[in-house]
Amino acid sequence: MTKLHEKYGKDGFKVLAVNDWDEPAATVGKFAQQSKLTHKILLMGGKISPKLYGVVSSPTSFWIDHKGIIRGRSVGFNVAHVPQMEQKIEKMLGDLKKKK
């Protein structure tokens, strides 16, 4: 996700990770630094993600458009799926450019 954030961030694509293990900010920050993550990580998600968003497994990705509408959801991560993820990102960014 970091690579996708770096590739498409300048075009408006954002990645927000949610830490659903409710670890302290210092622990999450250290992990992000060691893993060279460039996207934001929200804390204390374990208290809200299962109830509000139906998250039962990590990672779970939500594809949210510029209006805040959820356009898709995927569970898990497989590097083989990155091309499909890029297509989805490019389509959403293309739709955004058409509206401007």
PDB file of N, CA and C in Angstrom:
ATOM      1  N   MET A   1       0.819  -1.181   0.000  1.00  0.00           N
ATOM      2  CA  MET A   1       0.000   0.000   0.000  1.00  0.00           C
ATOM      3  C   MET A   1       0.871   1.256   0.000  1.00  0.00           C
ATOM      4  N   THR A   2       2.016   1.159   0.644  1.00  0.00           N
ATOM      5  CA  THR A   2       2.925   2.305   0.661  1.00  0.00           C
ATOM      6  C   THR A   2       3.367   2.654  -0.754  1.00  0.00           C
ATOM      7  N   LYS A   3       3.697   1.647  -1.544  1.00  0.00           N
ATOM      8  CA  LYS A   3       4.133   1.912  -2.922  1.00  0.00           C
ATOM      9  C   LYS A   3       3.008   2.532  -3.743  1.00  0.00           C
ATOM     10  N   LEU A   4       1.773   2.070  -3.531  1.00  0.00           N
ATOM     11  CA  LEU A   4       0.636   2.657  -4.240  1.00  0.00           C
ATOM     12  C   LEU A   4       0.424   4.102  -3.793  1.00  0.00           C
ATOM     13  N   HIS A   5       0.579   4.348  -2.515  1.00  0.00           N
ATOM     14  CA  HIS A   5       0.454   5.706  -1.979  1.00  0.00           C
ATOM     15  C   HIS A   5       1.500   6.621  -2.603  1.00  0.00           C
ATOM     16  N   GLU A   6       2.724   6.132  -2.696  1.00  0.00           N
ATOM     17  CA  GLU A   6       3.798   6.941  -3.272  1.00  0.00           C
ATOM     18  C   GLU A   6       3.586   7.164  -4.764  1.00  0.00           C
ATOM     19  N   LYS A   7       3.088   6.163  -5.464  1.00  0.00           N
ATOM     20  CA  LYS A   7       2.893   6.266  -6.914  1.00  0.00           C
ATOM     21  C   LYS A   7       1.734   7.196  -7.275  1.00  0.00           C
ATOM     22  N   TYR A   8       0.631   7.109  -6.539  1.00  0.00           N
ATOM     23  CA  TYR A   8      -0.579   7.839  -6.912  1.00  0.00           C
ATOM     24  C   TYR A   8      -0.926   9.001  -5.979  1.00  0.00           C
ATOM     25  N   GLY A   9      -0.150   9.197  -4.931  1.00  0.00           N
ATOM     26  CA  GLY A   9      -0.450  10.252  -3.966  1.00  0.00           C
ATOM     27  C   GLY A   9      -0.511  11.637  -4.575  1.00  0.00           C
ATOM     28  N   LYS A  10       0.375  11.920  -5.513  1.00  0.00           N
ATOM     29  CA  LYS A  10       0.402  13.248  -6.136  1.00  0.00           C
ATOM     30  C   LYS A  10      -0.869  13.519  -6.941  1.00  0.00           C
ATOM     31  N   ASP A  11      -1.583  12.442  -7.309  1.00  0.00           N
ATOM     32  CA  ASP A  11      -2.820  12.581  -8.076  1.00  0.00           C
ATOM     33  C   ASP A  11      -4.058  12.633  -7.184  1.00  0.00           C
ATOM     34  N   GLY A  12      -3.853  12.491  -5.874  1.00  0.00           N
ATOM     35  CA  GLY A  12      -4.982  12.580  -4.955  1.00  0.00           C
ATOM     36  C   GLY A  12      -5.328  11.291  -4.235  1.00  0.00           C
ATOM     37  N   PHE A  13      -4.636  10.202  -4.543  1.00  0.00           N
ATOM     38  CA  PHE A  13      -4.899   8.926  -3.870  1.00  0.00           C
ATOM     39  C   PHE A  13      -4.324   8.962  -2.463  1.00  0.00           C
ATOM     40  N   LYS A  14      -5.104   8.536  -1.501  1.00  0.00           N
ATOM     41  CA  LYS A  14      -4.669   8.522  -0.105  1.00  0.00           C
ATOM     42  C   LYS A  14      -4.819   7.125   0.480  1.00  0.00           C
ATOM     43  N   VAL A  15      -3.895   6.769   1.333  1.00  0.00           N
ATOM     44  CA  VAL A  15      -3.971   5.528   2.100  1.00  0.00           C
ATOM     45  C   VAL A  15      -4.042   5.917   3.569  1.00  0.00           C
ATOM     46  N   LEU A  16      -5.035   5.406   4.250  1.00  0.00           N
ATOM     47  CA  LEU A  16      -5.152   5.570   5.697  1.00  0.00           C
ATOM     48  C   LEU A  16      -5.214   4.173   6.289  1.00  0.00           C
ATOM     49  N   ALA A  17      -4.230   3.821   7.054  1.00  0.00           N
ATOM     50  CA  ALA A  17      -4.223   2.516   7.712  1.00  0.00           C
ATOM     51  C   ALA A  17      -4.849   2.674   9.094  1.00  0.00           C
ATOM     52  N   VAL A  18      -5.521   1.637   9.547  1.00  0.00           N
ATOM     53  CA  VAL A  18      -6.121   1.647  10.879  1.00  0.00           C
ATOM     54  C   VAL A  18      -5.505   0.520  11.682  1.00  0.00           C
ATOM     55  N   ASN A  19      -4.878   0.863  12.775  1.00  0.00           N
ATOM     56  CA  ASN A  19      -4.292  -0.144  13.656  1.00  0.00           C
ATOM     57  C   ASN A  19      -5.409  -0.714  14.515  1.00  0.00           C
ATOM     58  N   ASP A  20      -5.799  -1.952  14.233  1.00  0.00           N
ATOM     59  CA  ASP A  20      -6.908  -2.537  14.990  1.00  0.00           C
ATOM     60  C   ASP A  20      -6.445  -3.410  16.151  1.00  0.00           C
ATOM     61  N   TRP A  21      -5.151  -3.347  16.479  1.00  0.00           N
ATOM     62  CA  TRP A  21      -4.646  -4.073  17.648  1.00  0.00           C
ATOM     63  C   TRP A  21      -4.559  -3.164  18.866  1.00  0.00           C
ATOM     64  N   ASP A  22      -4.908  -1.903  18.693  1.00  0.00           N
ATOM     65  CA  ASP A  22      -4.933  -0.935  19.785  1.00  0.00           C
ATOM     66  C   ASP A  22      -3.609  -0.832  20.530  1.00  0.00           C
ATOM     67  N   GLU A  23      -2.539  -0.819  19.778  1.00  0.00           N
ATOM     68  CA  GLU A  23      -1.205  -0.669  20.363  1.00  0.00           C
ATOM     69  C   GLU A  23      -0.921   0.803  20.652  1.00  0.00           C
ATOM     70  N   PRO A  24      -0.008   1.081  21.564  1.00  0.00           N
ATOM     71  CA  PRO A  24       0.355   2.473  21.860  1.00  0.00           C
ATOM     72  C   PRO A  24       0.933   3.176  20.626  1.00  0.00           C
ATOM     73  N   ALA A  25       0.744   4.482  20.576  1.00  0.00           N
ATOM     74  CA  ALA A  25       1.228   5.277  19.444  1.00  0.00           C
ATOM     75  C   ALA A  25       2.721   5.090  19.219  1.00  0.00           C
ATOM     76  N   ALA A  26       3.501   4.986  20.279  1.00  0.00           N
ATOM     77  CA  ALA A  26       4.954   4.814  20.138  1.00  0.00           C
ATOM     78  C   ALA A  26       5.287   3.507  19.430  1.00  0.00           C
ATOM     79  N   THR A  27       4.562   2.447  19.737  1.00  0.00           N
ATOM     80  CA  THR A  27       4.795   1.142  19.105  1.00  0.00           C
ATOM     81  C   THR A  27       4.444   1.201  17.629  1.00  0.00           C
ATOM     82  N   VAL A  28       3.305   1.807  17.323  1.00  0.00           N
ATOM     83  CA  VAL A  28       2.867   1.932  15.931  1.00  0.00           C
ATOM     84  C   VAL A  28       3.837   2.817  15.157  1.00  0.00           C
ATOM     85  N   GLY A  29       4.264   3.912  15.758  1.00  0.00           N
ATOM     86  CA  GLY A  29       5.214   4.811  15.105  1.00  0.00           C
ATOM     87  C   GLY A  29       6.536   4.134  14.803  1.00  0.00           C
ATOM     88  N   LYS A  30       7.019   3.339  15.737  1.00  0.00           N
ATOM     89  CA  LYS A  30       8.276   2.608  15.533  1.00  0.00           C
ATOM     90  C   LYS A  30       8.131   1.612  14.385  1.00  0.00           C
ATOM     91  N   PHE A  31       7.000   0.891  14.350  1.00  0.00           N
ATOM     92  CA  PHE A  31       6.745  -0.052  13.261  1.00  0.00           C
ATOM     93  C   PHE A  31       6.700   0.681  11.916  1.00  0.00           C
ATOM     94  N   ALA A  32       5.993   1.810  11.869  1.00  0.00           N
ATOM     95  CA  ALA A  32       5.882   2.578  10.628  1.00  0.00           C
ATOM     96  C   ALA A  32       7.243   3.055  10.151  1.00  0.00           C
ATOM     97  N   GLN A  33       8.064   3.504  11.085  1.00  0.00           N
ATOM     98  CA  GLN A  33       9.404   3.978  10.728  1.00  0.00           C
ATOM     99  C   GLN A  33      10.274   2.827  10.229  1.00  0.00           C
ATOM    100  N   GLN A  34      10.257   1.705  10.926  1.00  0.00           N
ATOM    101  CA  GLN A  34      11.061   0.548  10.520  1.00  0.00           C
ATOM    102  C   GLN A  34      10.605  -0.008   9.175  1.00  0.00           C
ATOM    103  N   SER A  35       9.296   0.059   8.925  1.00  0.00           N
ATOM    104  CA  SER A  35       8.735  -0.469   7.676  1.00  0.00           C
ATOM    105  C   SER A  35       8.747   0.562   6.555  1.00  0.00           C
ATOM    106  N   LYS A  36       9.191   1.783   6.869  1.00  0.00           N
ATOM    107  CA  LYS A  36       9.265   2.878   5.896  1.00  0.00           C
ATOM    108  C   LYS A  36       7.899   3.197   5.286  1.00  0.00           C
ATOM    109  N   LEU A  37       6.875   3.208   6.139  1.00  0.00           N
ATOM    110  CA  LEU A  37       5.531   3.535   5.683  1.00  0.00           C
ATOM    111  C   LEU A  37       5.416   5.043   5.521  1.00  0.00           C
ATOM    112  N   THR A  38       4.804   5.470   4.436  1.00  0.00           N
ATOM    113  CA  THR A  38       4.663   6.899   4.175  1.00  0.00           C
ATOM    114  C   THR A  38       3.232   7.380   4.370  1.00  0.00           C
ATOM    115  N   HIS A  39       2.309   6.472   4.585  1.00  0.00           N
ATOM    116  CA  HIS A  39       0.914   6.863   4.764  1.00  0.00           C
ATOM    117  C   HIS A  39       0.565   6.977   6.248  1.00  0.00           C
ATOM    118  N   LYS A  40      -0.548   7.608   6.519  1.00  0.00           N
ATOM    119  CA  LYS A  40      -0.981   7.814   7.896  1.00  0.00           C
ATOM    120  C   LYS A  40      -1.545   6.524   8.480  1.00  0.00           C
ATOM    121  N   ILE A  41      -1.370   6.376   9.796  1.00  0.00           N
ATOM    122  CA  ILE A  41      -1.914   5.225  10.513  1.00  0.00           C
ATOM    123  C   ILE A  41      -2.785   5.760  11.645  1.00  0.00           C
ATOM    124  N   LEU A  42      -4.041   5.368  11.626  1.00  0.00           N
ATOM    125  CA  LEU A  42      -4.970   5.778  12.667  1.00  0.00           C
ATOM    126  C   LEU A  42      -4.914   4.767  13.804  1.00  0.00           C
ATOM    127  N   LEU A  43      -5.058   5.234  15.023  1.00  0.00           N
ATOM    128  CA  LEU A  43      -4.917   4.386  16.203  1.00  0.00           C
ATOM    129  C   LEU A  43      -6.265   3.979  16.785  1.00  0.00           C
ATOM    130  N   MET A  44      -6.230   2.938  17.611  1.00  0.00           N
ATOM    131  CA  MET A  44      -7.377   2.466  18.383  1.00  0.00           C
ATOM    132  C   MET A  44      -8.541   1.983  17.517  1.00  0.00           C
ATOM    133  N   GLY A  45      -8.254   1.465  16.346  1.00  0.00           N
ATOM    134  CA  GLY A  45      -9.300   0.996  15.442  1.00  0.00           C
ATOM    135  C   GLY A  45      -9.995  -0.269  15.892  1.00  0.00           C
ATOM    136  N   GLY A  46      -9.345  -1.049  16.745  1.00  0.00           N
ATOM    137  CA  GLY A  46      -9.939  -2.300  17.204  1.00  0.00           C
ATOM    138  C   GLY A  46     -11.228  -2.105  17.962  1.00  0.00           C
ATOM    139  N   LYS A  47     -11.412  -0.938  18.522  1.00  0.00           N
ATOM    140  CA  LYS A  47     -12.626  -0.656  19.271  1.00  0.00           C
ATOM    141  C   LYS A  47     -13.796  -0.294  18.356  1.00  0.00           C
ATOM    142  N   ILE A  48     -13.498   0.194  17.152  1.00  0.00           N
ATOM    143  CA  ILE A  48     -14.580   0.639  16.275  1.00  0.00           C
ATOM    144  C   ILE A  48     -14.719  -0.141  14.975  1.00  0.00           C
ATOM    145  N   SER A  49     -13.614  -0.663  14.417  1.00  0.00           N
ATOM    146  CA  SER A  49     -13.707  -1.276  13.091  1.00  0.00           C
ATOM    147  C   SER A  49     -14.642  -2.468  12.990  1.00  0.00           C
ATOM    148  N   PRO A  50     -14.659  -3.392  13.946  1.00  0.00           N
ATOM    149  CA  PRO A  50     -15.581  -4.524  13.794  1.00  0.00           C
ATOM    150  C   PRO A  50     -17.047  -4.094  13.850  1.00  0.00           C
ATOM    151  N   LYS A  51     -17.371  -3.208  14.746  1.00  0.00           N
ATOM    152  CA  LYS A  51     -18.772  -2.804  14.917  1.00  0.00           C
ATOM    153  C   LYS A  51     -19.262  -1.889  13.802  1.00  0.00           C
ATOM    154  N   LEU A  52     -18.503  -0.851  13.512  1.00  0.00           N
ATOM    155  CA  LEU A  52     -18.958   0.136  12.532  1.00  0.00           C
ATOM    156  C   LEU A  52     -18.753  -0.290  11.088  1.00  0.00           C
ATOM    157  N   TYR A  53     -17.668  -1.014  10.838  1.00  0.00           N
ATOM    158  CA  TYR A  53     -17.308  -1.295   9.452  1.00  0.00           C
ATOM    159  C   TYR A  53     -17.308  -2.773   9.092  1.00  0.00           C
ATOM    160  N   GLY A  54     -17.613  -3.641  10.034  1.00  0.00           N
ATOM    161  CA  GLY A  54     -17.670  -5.068   9.749  1.00  0.00           C
ATOM    162  C   GLY A  54     -16.319  -5.689   9.456  1.00  0.00           C
ATOM    163  N   VAL A  55     -15.261  -5.115   9.979  1.00  0.00           N
ATOM    164  CA  VAL A  55     -13.920  -5.648   9.749  1.00  0.00           C
ATOM    165  C   VAL A  55     -13.707  -6.846  10.663  1.00  0.00           C
ATOM    166  N   VAL A  56     -13.436  -7.997  10.052  1.00  0.00           N
ATOM    167  CA  VAL A  56     -13.210  -9.215  10.835  1.00  0.00           C
ATOM    168  C   VAL A  56     -11.833  -9.814  10.579  1.00  0.00           C
ATOM    169  N   SER A  57     -11.104  -9.247   9.634  1.00  0.00           N
ATOM    170  CA  SER A  57      -9.785  -9.770   9.284  1.00  0.00           C
ATOM    171  C   SER A  57      -8.892  -8.620   8.837  1.00  0.00           C
ATOM    172  N   SER A  58      -7.602  -8.796   9.043  1.00  0.00           N
ATOM    173  CA  SER A  58      -6.637  -7.778   8.623  1.00  0.00           C
ATOM    174  C   SER A  58      -5.704  -8.350   7.573  1.00  0.00           C
ATOM    175  N   PRO A  59      -5.367  -7.585   6.586  1.00  0.00           N
ATOM    176  CA  PRO A  59      -5.877  -6.243   6.337  1.00  0.00           C
ATOM    177  C   PRO A  59      -7.214  -6.277   5.599  1.00  0.00           C
ATOM    178  N   THR A  60      -8.029  -5.303   5.835  1.00  0.00           N
ATOM    179  CA  THR A  60      -9.251  -5.062   5.072  1.00  0.00           C
ATOM    180  C   THR A  60      -9.098  -3.687   4.445  1.00  0.00           C
ATOM    181  N   SER A  61      -9.338  -3.605   3.147  1.00  0.00           N
ATOM    182  CA  SER A  61      -9.212  -2.333   2.428  1.00  0.00           C
ATOM    183  C   SER A  61     -10.581  -1.871   1.966  1.00  0.00           C
ATOM    184  N   PHE A  62     -10.841  -0.596   2.135  1.00  0.00           N
ATOM    185  CA  PHE A  62     -12.049   0.021   1.615  1.00  0.00           C
ATOM    186  C   PHE A  62     -11.630   1.000   0.533  1.00  0.00           C
ATOM    187  N   TRP A  63     -12.345   0.979  -0.574  1.00  0.00           N
ATOM    188  CA  TRP A  63     -12.080   1.883  -1.683  1.00  0.00           C
ATOM    189  C   TRP A  63     -13.137   2.978  -1.612  1.00  0.00           C
ATOM    190  N   ILE A  64     -12.711   4.160  -1.202  1.00  0.00           N
ATOM    191  CA  ILE A  64     -13.630   5.266  -0.950  1.00  0.00           C
ATOM    192  C   ILE A  64     -13.337   6.381  -1.949  1.00  0.00           C
ATOM    193  N   ASP A  65     -14.392   6.844  -2.623  1.00  0.00           N
ATOM    194  CA  ASP A  65     -14.170   7.879  -3.637  1.00  0.00           C
ATOM    195  C   ASP A  65     -14.074   9.269  -3.000  1.00  0.00           C
ATOM    196  N   HIS A  66     -13.908  10.269  -3.847  1.00  0.00           N
ATOM    197  CA  HIS A  66     -13.701  11.638  -3.375  1.00  0.00           C
ATOM    198  C   HIS A  66     -14.922  12.217  -2.660  1.00  0.00           C
ATOM    199  N   LYS A  67     -16.079  11.580  -2.809  1.00  0.00           N
ATOM    200  CA  LYS A  67     -17.287  12.022  -2.116  1.00  0.00           C
ATOM    201  C   LYS A  67     -17.491  11.289  -0.794  1.00  0.00           C
ATOM    202  N   GLY A  68     -16.602  10.346  -0.497  1.00  0.00           N
ATOM    203  CA  GLY A  68     -16.730   9.576   0.736  1.00  0.00           C
ATOM    204  C   GLY A  68     -17.595   8.339   0.595  1.00  0.00           C
ATOM    205  N   ILE A  69     -17.930   7.969  -0.628  1.00  0.00           N
ATOM    206  CA  ILE A  69     -18.764   6.794  -0.884  1.00  0.00           C
ATOM    207  C   ILE A  69     -17.872   5.570  -1.038  1.00  0.00           C
ATOM    208  N   ILE A  70     -18.197   4.505  -0.310  1.00  0.00           N
ATOM    209  CA  ILE A  70     -17.426   3.266  -0.408  1.00  0.00           C
ATOM    210  C   ILE A  70     -17.752   2.596  -1.739  1.00  0.00           C
ATOM    211  N   ARG A  71     -16.740   2.450  -2.579  1.00  0.00           N
ATOM    212  CA  ARG A  71     -16.895   1.868  -3.915  1.00  0.00           C
ATOM    213  C   ARG A  71     -16.446   0.414  -3.984  1.00  0.00           C
ATOM    214  N   GLY A  72     -15.840  -0.072  -2.932  1.00  0.00           N
ATOM    215  CA  GLY A  72     -15.401  -1.466  -2.917  1.00  0.00           C
ATOM    216  C   GLY A  72     -14.734  -1.805  -1.605  1.00  0.00           C
ATOM    217  N   ARG A  73     -14.543  -3.097  -1.408  1.00  0.00           N
ATOM    218  CA  ARG A  73     -13.913  -3.594  -0.187  1.00  0.00           C
ATOM    219  C   ARG A  73     -13.146  -4.856  -0.550  1.00  0.00           C
ATOM    220  N   SER A  74     -11.974  -5.011   0.030  1.00  0.00           N
ATOM    221  CA  SER A  74     -11.207  -6.238  -0.188  1.00  0.00           C
ATOM    222  C   SER A  74     -10.577  -6.663   1.129  1.00  0.00           C
ATOM    223  N   VAL A  75     -10.469  -7.968   1.310  1.00  0.00           N
ATOM    224  CA  VAL A  75      -9.894  -8.526   2.527  1.00  0.00           C
ATOM    225  C   VAL A  75      -8.607  -9.241   2.158  1.00  0.00           C
ATOM    226  N   GLY A  76      -7.561  -8.995   2.930  1.00  0.00           N
ATOM    227  CA  GLY A  76      -6.268  -9.619   2.664  1.00  0.00           C
ATOM    228  C   GLY A  76      -5.446  -8.789   1.701  1.00  0.00           C
ATOM    229  N   PHE A  77      -4.228  -9.223   1.512  1.00  0.00           N
ATOM    230  CA  PHE A  77      -3.346  -8.556   0.558  1.00  0.00           C
ATOM    231  C   PHE A  77      -2.483  -9.607  -0.106  1.00  0.00           C
ATOM    232  N   ASN A  78      -2.427  -9.526  -1.420  1.00  0.00           N
ATOM    233  CA  ASN A  78      -1.607 -10.427  -2.212  1.00  0.00           C
ATOM    234  C   ASN A  78      -0.932  -9.574  -3.277  1.00  0.00           C
ATOM    235  N   VAL A  79       0.377  -9.620  -3.334  1.00  0.00           N
ATOM    236  CA  VAL A  79       1.112  -8.790  -4.294  1.00  0.00           C
ATOM    237  C   VAL A  79       0.660  -9.066  -5.732  1.00  0.00           C
ATOM    238  N   ALA A  80       0.144 -10.263  -5.993  1.00  0.00           N
ATOM    239  CA  ALA A  80      -0.344 -10.591  -7.334  1.00  0.00           C
ATOM    240  C   ALA A  80      -1.572  -9.756  -7.705  1.00  0.00           C
ATOM    241  N   HIS A  81      -2.250  -9.180  -6.712  1.00  0.00           N
ATOM    242  CA  HIS A  81      -3.447  -8.381  -6.974  1.00  0.00           C
ATOM    243  C   HIS A  81      -3.148  -6.900  -7.183  1.00  0.00           C
ATOM    244  N   VAL A  82      -1.893  -6.516  -7.079  1.00  0.00           N
ATOM    245  CA  VAL A  82      -1.533  -5.102  -7.225  1.00  0.00           C
ATOM    246  C   VAL A  82      -1.963  -4.532  -8.578  1.00  0.00           C
ATOM    247  N   PRO A  83      -1.796  -5.241  -9.700  1.00  0.00           N
ATOM    248  CA  PRO A  83      -2.257  -4.670 -10.971  1.00  0.00           C
ATOM    249  C   PRO A  83      -3.758  -4.345 -10.973  1.00  0.00           C
ATOM    250  N   GLN A  84      -4.574  -5.209 -10.364  1.00  0.00           N
ATOM    251  CA  GLN A  84      -6.010  -4.923 -10.284  1.00  0.00           C
ATOM    252  C   GLN A  84      -6.270  -3.724  -9.369  1.00  0.00           C
ATOM    253  N   MET A  85      -5.486  -3.609  -8.306  1.00  0.00           N
ATOM    254  CA  MET A  85      -5.629  -2.467  -7.405  1.00  0.00           C
ATOM    255  C   MET A  85      -5.270  -1.179  -8.143  1.00  0.00           C
ATOM    256  N   GLU A  86      -4.211  -1.233  -8.947  1.00  0.00           N
ATOM    257  CA  GLU A  86      -3.809  -0.052  -9.717  1.00  0.00           C
ATOM    258  C   GLU A  86      -4.896   0.338 -10.708  1.00  0.00           C
ATOM    259  N   GLN A  87      -5.527  -0.641 -11.339  1.00  0.00           N
ATOM    260  CA  GLN A  87      -6.619  -0.338 -12.263  1.00  0.00           C
ATOM    261  C   GLN A  87      -7.763   0.365 -11.538  1.00  0.00           C
ATOM    262  N   LYS A  88      -8.090  -0.126 -10.347  1.00  0.00           N
ATOM    263  CA  LYS A  88      -9.172   0.473  -9.564  1.00  0.00           C
ATOM    264  C   LYS A  88      -8.812   1.909  -9.173  1.00  0.00           C
ATOM    265  N   ILE A  89      -7.579   2.115  -8.748  1.00  0.00           N
ATOM    266  CA  ILE A  89      -7.121   3.457  -8.368  1.00  0.00           C
ATOM    267  C   ILE A  89      -7.169   4.392  -9.573  1.00  0.00           C
ATOM    268  N   GLU A  90      -6.651   3.933 -10.703  1.00  0.00           N
ATOM    269  CA  GLU A  90      -6.624   4.764 -11.906  1.00  0.00           C
ATOM    270  C   GLU A  90      -8.030   5.116 -12.369  1.00  0.00           C
ATOM    271  N   LYS A  91      -8.963   4.179 -12.252  1.00  0.00           N
ATOM    272  CA  LYS A  91     -10.346   4.467 -12.634  1.00  0.00           C
ATOM    273  C   LYS A  91     -10.942   5.521 -11.709  1.00  0.00           C
ATOM    274  N   MET A  92     -10.741   5.353 -10.412  1.00  0.00           N
ATOM    275  CA  MET A  92     -11.295   6.327  -9.470  1.00  0.00           C
ATOM    276  C   MET A  92     -10.669   7.709  -9.665  1.00  0.00           C
ATOM    277  N   LEU A  93      -9.362   7.762  -9.900  1.00  0.00           N
ATOM    278  CA  LEU A  93      -8.701   9.046 -10.142  1.00  0.00           C
ATOM    279  C   LEU A  93      -9.165   9.647 -11.462  1.00  0.00           C
ATOM    280  N   GLY A  94      -9.376   8.800 -12.471  1.00  0.00           N
ATOM    281  CA  GLY A  94      -9.895   9.272 -13.755  1.00  0.00           C
ATOM    282  C   GLY A  94     -11.285   9.861 -13.607  1.00  0.00           C
ATOM    283  N   ASP A  95     -12.132   9.198 -12.818  1.00  0.00           N
ATOM    284  CA  ASP A  95     -13.476   9.713 -12.562  1.00  0.00           C
ATOM    285  C   ASP A  95     -13.407  11.067 -11.866  1.00  0.00           C
ATOM    286  N   LEU A  96     -12.460  11.215 -10.950  1.00  0.00           N
ATOM    287  CA  LEU A  96     -12.292  12.477 -10.228  1.00  0.00           C
ATOM    288  C   LEU A  96     -11.872  13.591 -11.185  1.00  0.00           C
ATOM    289  N   LYS A  97     -10.941  13.292 -12.092  1.00  0.00           N
ATOM    290  CA  LYS A  97     -10.468  14.309 -13.046  1.00  0.00           C
ATOM    291  C   LYS A  97     -11.596  14.755 -13.973  1.00  0.00           C
ATOM    292  N   LYS A  98     -12.482  13.819 -14.352  1.00  0.00           N
ATOM    293  CA  LYS A  98     -13.602  14.161 -15.232  1.00  0.00           C
ATOM    294  C   LYS A  98     -14.554  15.144 -14.563  1.00  0.00           C
ATOM    295  N   LYS A  99     -14.663  15.054 -13.252  1.00  0.00           N
ATOM    296  CA  LYS A  99     -15.603  15.903 -12.517  1.00  0.00           C
ATOM    297  C   LYS A  99     -15.057  17.302 -12.276  1.00  0.00           C
ATOM    298  N   LYS A 100     -13.745  17.488 -12.434  1.00  0.00           N
ATOM    299  CA  LYS A 100     -13.140  18.810 -12.171  1.00  0.00           C
ATOM    300  C   LYS A 100     -13.349  19.753 -13.320  1.00  0.00           C
TER     301      LYS A 100
END
